[in-house]
Amino acid sequence: MKKLRGGYTTGSCAAAAAKAAAMLLSGRGSPETVEIALPDGERVAFPIVFVERLREDRARAAVRKFAGDDPDVTDGALIIAEIERRAGGGISFRAGEGVGVVTRPGLSVPPGEPAINPAPREMIRRALREIRADGFAVTVSVPGGRELAGKTYNPRLGIEGGLSILGTSGRVVPYSCDALREALKCTLDVTLASGIAAPVFVPGNIGRKAAEGNLSLRPERIIEVGNEWGYMLDLAVGSGIKRLLVLGHPGKLAKLVLGHWTTHSKKSPPAAPYVRDLAAEVTGRAVPESVTAEGVFEALSPGERAAVSGELAARIAAAVSRRTEGRVEIAVLLINMKRETMGSRGDLSSWKTGNG
């Protein structure tokens, strides 16, 4: 089996470019490579394509995106960060050429903000503060990004004018169904060999951090299944697992209720319309349309959110129980993009206490 090469996100590239520009402004010359910290603390070096001073208080630099063997539309794109010193401290963000602006609620940044997600923003802040504590205005650009965005979901999500600057881990994990499934099977095998009888399945990095923050778990008890829910649930049945916690965002897990067991956006439709219809059913009132499940919940009162989350968790649990033929005891915990718990179904006590 060929080992696929990984890469780095647009967020990582923007952070490295911003740091290179800050180094130039701080009198450290024009670096050929720059090292930044990824969200998990690993430090990675990025080649710098160019760095140039525009004014005494302004500079810019660029990094070329490398996505490894992943079919990423931004692979090879130039990610440019321009920084300008500003009084008062703090770091603000602007959308430059080819970077979109959020126009609808429900995403991880509010309407009117540049489509630079929270993790990339934090990476950029950390990278700049490694050089100096000044205030900065940061403008991120991707030449040709407006055209590339037409190949993504951005237009449907209400992100106008270009791409999103993305990445929760800072890395791009190459997608290959066969290779991915082999890796997932190995992960489950290791978990079972560790004596774990009640694992936790999460979609990815956000789910993992939510599980770590809200439950009492050994790291090896948490398995990132990506989009391969059907495959991993079938493996769970054959492995002899008796109890399983399914933890994730309603926008991802609601797809299981609809029978979409491969939840990649290219292989399954968005779940927001279903979540909106469920919310209207539970609350007995019309619920505003939203392009995301998160946006649906934002339109509800706290009491309504709890009721809808609870009902959705119950339906997800029922769907997963049918998939596992009733041979696995299923619990479900829903979280939002801030990794806060929303609703649950089933007995969570063993995961909260660390037993199992």
Protein backbone atom coordinates (compact mmCIF):
# COMPACT_ATOMS: atom_id res chain seq x y z
CA MET A 1 0.00 0.00 0.00
CA LYS A 2 1.51 3.34 -1.06
CA LYS A 3 2.07 5.78 1.79
CA LEU A 4 0.36 9.03 0.92
CA ARG A 5 2.09 12.34 1.55
CA GLY A 6 0.45 14.82 3.89
CA GLY A 7 0.51 18.58 3.54
CA TYR A 8 -0.37 21.77 5.36
CA THR A 9 -3.47 23.93 5.44
CA THR A 10 -3.96 27.43 4.10
CA GLY A 11 -4.05 28.54 7.75
CA SER A 12 -0.57 27.17 8.41
CA CYS A 13 0.76 28.81 5.25
CA ALA A 14 -0.78 32.17 6.23
CA ALA A 15 0.79 31.97 9.70
CA ALA A 16 4.23 31.25 8.27
CA ALA A 17 3.89 34.09 5.75
CA ALA A 18 2.78 36.52 8.48
CA LYS A 19 5.76 35.57 10.65
CA ALA A 20 8.18 36.10 7.75
CA ALA A 21 6.77 39.58 7.15
CA ALA A 22 7.05 40.39 10.87
CA MET A 23 10.68 39.26 10.87
CA LEU A 24 11.46 41.67 8.05
CA LEU A 25 9.75 44.57 9.85
CA SER A 26 11.70 43.72 13.01
CA GLY A 27 15.06 44.00 11.30
CA ARG A 28 15.75 40.27 11.08
CA GLY A 29 16.26 40.27 7.33
CA SER A 30 14.44 38.28 4.65
CA PRO A 31 14.08 34.68 5.85
CA GLU A 32 14.20 31.82 3.35
CA THR A 33 12.33 29.51 5.74
CA VAL A 34 10.12 30.16 8.76
CA GLU A 35 9.18 27.83 11.58
CA ILE A 36 5.74 28.01 13.23
CA ALA A 37 3.87 26.00 15.85
CA LEU A 38 0.86 23.96 14.77
CA PRO A 39 -2.12 23.78 17.17
CA ASP A 40 -0.79 20.60 18.80
CA GLY A 41 2.58 22.25 19.49
CA GLU A 42 4.62 20.58 16.74
CA ARG A 43 6.91 23.03 15.00
CA VAL A 44 7.15 22.94 11.21
CA ALA A 45 9.35 24.90 8.79
CA PHE A 46 7.90 26.48 5.63
CA PRO A 47 9.85 27.76 2.59
CA ILE A 48 9.19 31.45 1.90
CA VAL A 49 8.50 32.36 -1.74
CA PHE A 50 9.11 36.08 -1.22
CA VAL A 51 9.16 38.68 1.53
CA GLU A 52 9.15 42.42 0.88
CA ARG A 53 8.78 45.68 2.77
CA LEU A 54 6.01 47.90 1.41
CA ARG A 55 6.45 50.82 3.84
CA GLU A 56 8.23 51.47 7.12
CA ASP A 57 5.35 49.87 9.03
CA ARG A 58 4.09 47.39 6.43
CA ALA A 59 5.46 44.20 4.83
CA ARG A 60 4.19 41.08 3.13
CA ALA A 61 5.38 37.54 2.46
CA ALA A 62 4.14 34.44 0.68
CA VAL A 63 4.13 30.67 1.11
CA ARG A 64 3.08 28.21 -1.58
CA LYS A 65 0.45 25.73 -0.39
CA PHE A 66 1.48 22.06 -0.50
CA ALA A 67 -1.36 19.59 0.03
CA GLY A 68 0.67 16.40 -0.41
CA ASP A 69 -1.33 13.69 -2.16
CA ASP A 70 -4.70 15.16 -1.20
CA PRO A 71 -6.83 16.43 -4.13
CA ASP A 72 -7.09 19.90 -2.61
CA VAL A 73 -8.21 22.75 -4.89
CA THR A 74 -5.74 25.09 -3.20
CA ASP A 75 -2.70 22.86 -3.77
CA GLY A 76 0.02 25.04 -5.29
CA ALA A 77 -1.78 28.30 -4.54
CA LEU A 78 0.20 31.26 -3.24
CA ILE A 79 -0.87 32.28 0.28
CA ILE A 80 0.12 35.90 0.99
CA ALA A 81 0.02 37.62 4.37
CA GLU A 82 0.45 41.38 4.56
CA ILE A 83 0.95 42.87 8.00
CA GLU A 84 0.78 46.47 9.15
CA ARG A 85 1.75 47.72 12.58
CA ARG A 86 -1.03 49.46 14.46
CA ALA A 87 -1.26 51.28 17.77
CA GLY A 88 -3.05 49.83 20.75
CA GLY A 89 -1.96 46.21 20.47
CA GLY A 90 -4.16 43.36 19.36
CA ILE A 91 -4.39 41.65 15.99
CA SER A 92 -7.16 42.23 13.46
CA PHE A 93 -7.87 40.37 10.23
CA ARG A 94 -8.85 41.49 6.75
CA ALA A 95 -9.76 39.64 3.56
CA GLY A 96 -7.47 40.40 0.66
CA GLU A 97 -7.67 39.29 -2.95
CA GLY A 98 -9.17 35.80 -3.28
CA VAL A 99 -10.24 35.44 0.37
CA GLY A 100 -13.95 35.42 1.05
CA VAL A 101 -16.14 37.33 3.48
CA VAL A 102 -18.83 35.62 5.56
CA THR A 103 -22.32 36.94 4.77
CA ARG A 104 -24.61 34.53 6.66
CA PRO A 105 -24.83 33.39 10.29
CA GLY A 106 -24.04 29.85 11.40
CA LEU A 107 -20.37 29.58 10.50
CA SER A 108 -17.43 29.67 12.93
CA VAL A 109 -16.90 33.40 12.30
CA PRO A 110 -19.75 35.95 12.22
CA PRO A 111 -21.12 37.75 9.16
CA GLY A 112 -19.00 40.62 7.95
CA GLU A 113 -15.75 38.97 9.01
CA PRO A 114 -13.12 37.62 6.60
CA ALA A 115 -13.43 33.85 6.13
CA ILE A 116 -10.36 33.11 8.23
CA ASN A 117 -11.35 30.39 10.66
CA PRO A 118 -10.58 30.45 14.41
CA ALA A 119 -7.67 27.98 14.39
CA PRO A 120 -5.78 29.79 11.58
CA ARG A 121 -6.36 33.10 13.39
CA GLU A 122 -4.80 31.69 16.53
CA MET A 123 -1.86 30.24 14.59
CA ILE A 124 -1.24 33.66 13.02
CA ARG A 125 -1.43 35.37 16.42
CA ARG A 126 1.05 32.92 17.94
CA ALA A 127 3.42 33.24 15.00
CA LEU A 128 3.44 37.05 15.18
CA ARG A 129 3.90 37.11 18.95
CA GLU A 130 7.00 34.97 18.58
CA ILE A 131 8.55 38.01 16.85
CA ARG A 132 7.07 40.94 18.79
CA ALA A 133 4.04 41.95 20.84
CA ASP A 134 2.98 44.89 18.65
CA GLY A 135 -0.51 45.28 17.33
CA PHE A 136 -0.98 44.23 13.72
CA ALA A 137 -3.59 44.34 11.00
CA VAL A 138 -3.23 41.14 8.97
CA THR A 139 -4.54 40.86 5.41
CA VAL A 140 -4.54 37.38 3.87
CA SER A 141 -4.72 37.01 0.08
CA VAL A 142 -4.83 34.10 -2.36
CA PRO A 143 -4.33 35.19 -5.99
CA GLY A 144 -6.90 33.34 -8.10
CA GLY A 145 -8.86 32.43 -4.99
CA ARG A 146 -12.14 33.81 -6.28
CA GLU A 147 -12.05 31.36 -9.19
CA LEU A 148 -10.95 28.46 -6.98
CA ALA A 149 -13.80 29.15 -4.56
CA GLY A 150 -16.27 28.23 -7.29
CA LYS A 151 -15.06 24.63 -6.91
CA THR A 152 -15.87 24.60 -3.20
CA TYR A 153 -19.00 24.87 -1.03
CA ASN A 154 -18.28 28.52 -0.23
CA PRO A 155 -20.90 30.04 -2.56
CA ARG A 156 -23.60 27.83 -1.00
CA LEU A 157 -22.43 28.73 2.50
CA GLY A 158 -22.71 32.45 1.87
CA ILE A 159 -18.94 33.10 1.74
CA GLU A 160 -18.51 35.68 -0.98
CA GLY A 161 -15.45 36.79 -2.89
CA GLY A 162 -13.11 33.87 -2.47
CA LEU A 163 -11.76 31.03 -0.40
CA SER A 164 -11.81 30.29 3.31
CA ILE A 165 -8.54 30.10 5.25
CA LEU A 166 -9.02 26.75 6.95
CA GLY A 167 -7.55 24.09 9.18
CA THR A 168 -8.14 22.89 12.74
CA SER A 169 -4.91 20.87 13.04
CA GLY A 170 -2.74 22.82 10.58
CA ARG A 171 -2.24 19.68 8.50
CA VAL A 172 -3.81 18.25 5.36
CA VAL A 173 -4.43 14.53 5.69
CA PRO A 174 -4.50 12.92 2.22
CA TYR A 175 -7.75 11.23 1.31
CA SER A 176 -7.61 7.73 -0.12
CA CYS A 177 -10.48 5.41 0.73
CA ASP A 178 -8.44 2.20 0.82
CA ALA A 179 -5.51 3.70 2.70
CA LEU A 180 -7.79 5.54 5.10
CA ARG A 181 -9.82 2.45 5.90
CA GLU A 182 -6.70 0.40 6.50
CA ALA A 183 -5.45 3.06 8.92
CA LEU A 184 -8.81 3.20 10.69
CA LYS A 185 -8.88 -0.57 11.10
CA CYS A 186 -5.39 -0.47 12.61
CA THR A 187 -6.51 2.24 15.03
CA LEU A 188 -9.47 0.15 16.17
CA ASP A 189 -7.25 -2.93 16.53
CA VAL A 190 -4.84 -1.00 18.76
CA THR A 191 -7.72 0.32 20.86
CA LEU A 192 -9.12 -3.18 21.40
CA ALA A 193 -5.68 -4.58 22.16
CA SER A 194 -5.36 -1.94 24.91
CA GLY A 195 -8.29 -3.55 26.69
CA ILE A 196 -10.75 -0.79 25.86
CA ALA A 197 -14.30 -2.15 25.74
CA ALA A 198 -16.24 1.10 25.25
CA PRO A 199 -14.51 3.44 22.77
CA VAL A 200 -15.61 6.86 21.54
CA PHE A 201 -16.05 7.52 17.82
CA VAL A 202 -15.56 11.15 16.74
CA PRO A 203 -15.40 12.68 13.24
CA GLY A 204 -12.08 14.49 13.69
CA ASN A 205 -9.98 16.99 15.60
CA ILE A 206 -12.84 19.13 16.97
CA GLY A 207 -14.63 16.03 18.24
CA ARG A 208 -11.44 14.71 19.81
CA LYS A 209 -10.83 17.94 21.69
CA ALA A 210 -14.47 18.04 22.81
CA ALA A 211 -14.20 14.48 24.11
CA GLU A 212 -10.99 15.32 25.96
CA GLY A 213 -12.49 18.50 27.43
CA ASN A 214 -15.89 17.19 28.48
CA LEU A 215 -15.19 13.58 29.45
CA SER A 216 -12.65 11.59 31.45
CA LEU A 217 -10.85 9.51 28.82
CA ARG A 218 -7.53 7.97 27.98
CA PRO A 219 -6.40 9.32 24.58
CA GLU A 220 -6.38 5.83 23.03
CA ARG A 221 -10.06 5.47 23.84
CA ILE A 222 -10.95 8.13 21.25
CA ILE A 223 -11.03 7.03 17.60
CA GLU A 224 -11.26 9.59 14.77
CA VAL A 225 -13.37 7.91 12.10
CA GLY A 226 -13.35 10.82 9.66
CA ASN A 227 -16.26 10.33 7.27
CA GLU A 228 -16.19 6.50 7.34
CA TRP A 229 -19.04 5.94 9.82
CA GLY A 230 -20.61 2.96 8.11
CA TYR A 231 -17.31 1.17 7.69
CA MET A 232 -16.24 1.75 11.29
CA LEU A 233 -19.62 0.81 12.77
CA ASP A 234 -19.56 -2.43 10.81
CA LEU A 235 -16.07 -3.13 12.16
CA ALA A 236 -17.29 -2.37 15.67
CA VAL A 237 -19.99 -5.03 15.40
CA GLY A 238 -17.52 -7.63 14.20
CA SER A 239 -14.98 -6.70 16.89
CA GLY A 240 -17.22 -7.59 19.79
CA ILE A 241 -17.52 -4.03 21.19
CA LYS A 242 -20.54 -3.90 23.47
CA ARG A 243 -20.81 -0.16 24.19
CA LEU A 244 -19.99 2.82 21.99
CA LEU A 245 -20.22 6.59 22.38
CA VAL A 246 -20.79 8.56 19.16
CA LEU A 247 -19.70 12.17 19.67
CA GLY A 248 -19.76 15.00 17.16
CA HIS A 249 -21.42 18.04 15.64
CA PRO A 250 -25.09 17.76 14.61
CA GLY A 251 -24.23 18.93 11.09
CA LYS A 252 -22.14 15.80 10.64
CA LEU A 253 -24.02 13.22 12.71
CA ALA A 254 -27.49 14.15 11.43
CA LYS A 255 -26.40 12.65 8.11
CA LEU A 256 -26.48 9.23 9.75
CA VAL A 257 -30.20 9.60 10.40
CA LEU A 258 -30.65 10.21 6.69
CA GLY A 259 -28.78 7.01 5.84
CA HIS A 260 -25.57 8.70 4.65
CA TRP A 261 -22.90 6.56 6.30
CA THR A 262 -20.06 8.16 4.35
CA THR A 263 -20.41 11.76 5.47
CA HIS A 264 -17.91 13.52 3.18
CA SER A 265 -19.48 16.60 1.61
CA LYS A 266 -18.78 15.21 -1.87
CA LYS A 267 -20.71 12.02 -1.08
CA SER A 268 -23.59 13.30 1.06
CA PRO A 269 -25.82 16.38 1.03
CA PRO A 270 -25.77 19.01 3.80
CA ALA A 271 -27.81 18.10 6.88
CA ALA A 272 -28.98 21.66 7.63
CA PRO A 273 -32.39 21.28 5.88
CA TYR A 274 -33.15 18.14 7.90
CA VAL A 275 -32.08 19.80 11.16
CA ARG A 276 -34.26 22.82 10.36
CA ASP A 277 -37.29 20.60 9.66
CA LEU A 278 -36.68 18.72 12.90
CA ALA A 279 -36.42 21.99 14.81
CA ALA A 280 -39.74 23.16 13.36
CA GLU A 281 -41.32 19.82 14.31
CA VAL A 282 -40.04 19.93 17.88
CA THR A 283 -40.72 23.62 18.56
CA GLY A 284 -44.01 23.82 16.68
CA ARG A 285 -42.99 27.02 14.91
CA ALA A 286 -41.30 28.12 11.72
CA VAL A 287 -37.50 28.19 11.95
CA PRO A 288 -35.45 30.49 9.70
CA GLU A 289 -33.49 28.85 6.91
CA SER A 290 -29.76 28.44 7.39
CA VAL A 291 -26.97 26.97 5.29
CA THR A 292 -25.53 25.20 8.36
CA ALA A 293 -26.89 23.16 11.25
CA GLU A 294 -25.05 25.52 13.59
CA GLY A 295 -27.06 28.40 12.15
CA VAL A 296 -30.33 26.55 12.79
CA PHE A 297 -29.48 26.15 16.46
CA GLU A 298 -28.44 29.80 16.76
CA ALA A 299 -31.99 30.78 15.75
CA LEU A 300 -33.47 28.84 18.70
CA SER A 301 -33.92 29.83 22.33
CA PRO A 302 -31.82 27.94 24.93
CA GLY A 303 -34.77 25.76 25.85
CA GLU A 304 -35.55 25.01 22.22
CA ARG A 305 -31.90 24.12 21.55
CA ALA A 306 -31.94 21.62 24.38
CA ALA A 307 -35.16 20.03 23.16
CA VAL A 308 -34.06 19.80 19.52
CA SER A 309 -30.58 18.55 20.46
CA GLY A 310 -32.08 15.86 22.66
CA GLU A 311 -34.45 14.67 19.96
CA LEU A 312 -31.72 14.68 17.32
CA ALA A 313 -29.39 12.72 19.61
CA ALA A 314 -32.15 10.14 20.12
CA ARG A 315 -32.66 9.76 16.37
CA ILE A 316 -28.92 9.42 15.75
CA ALA A 317 -28.71 6.75 18.44
CA ALA A 318 -31.61 4.87 16.87
CA ALA A 319 -30.02 5.01 13.40
CA VAL A 320 -26.66 3.78 14.71
CA SER A 321 -28.38 1.01 16.69
CA ARG A 322 -30.08 -0.19 13.51
CA ARG A 323 -26.77 -0.12 11.65
CA THR A 324 -25.13 -2.19 14.41
CA GLU A 325 -28.12 -4.58 14.49
CA GLY A 326 -28.78 -3.87 18.16
CA ARG A 327 -25.58 -5.68 19.12
CA VAL A 328 -23.87 -2.56 20.51
CA GLU A 329 -25.24 -0.30 23.25
CA ILE A 330 -25.15 3.19 21.75
CA ALA A 331 -24.86 6.58 23.42
CA VAL A 332 -24.69 9.91 21.58
CA LEU A 333 -23.25 13.27 22.66
CA LEU A 334 -23.68 16.33 20.43
CA ILE A 335 -21.30 19.29 20.57
CA ASN A 336 -21.18 22.69 18.87
CA MET A 337 -18.23 24.30 17.08
CA LYS A 338 -17.03 25.72 20.41
CA ARG A 339 -16.79 22.11 21.68
CA GLU A 340 -19.61 22.72 24.16
CA THR A 341 -22.14 19.95 24.83
CA MET A 342 -25.58 20.42 23.28
CA GLY A 343 -27.61 17.27 23.87
CA SER A 344 -27.20 13.57 24.51
CA ARG A 345 -28.86 10.19 24.48
CA GLY A 346 -27.97 7.15 26.57
CA ASP A 347 -25.92 6.53 29.68
CA LEU A 348 -22.67 8.53 29.54
CA SER A 349 -21.48 7.65 33.04
CA SER A 350 -18.68 5.27 32.07
CA TRP A 351 -17.14 7.85 29.73
CA LYS A 352 -17.49 10.63 32.31
CA THR A 353 -15.80 8.58 35.01
CA GLY A 354 -13.16 7.00 32.80
CA ASN A 355 -14.36 3.42 33.30
CA GLY A 356 -14.24 1.02 30.37
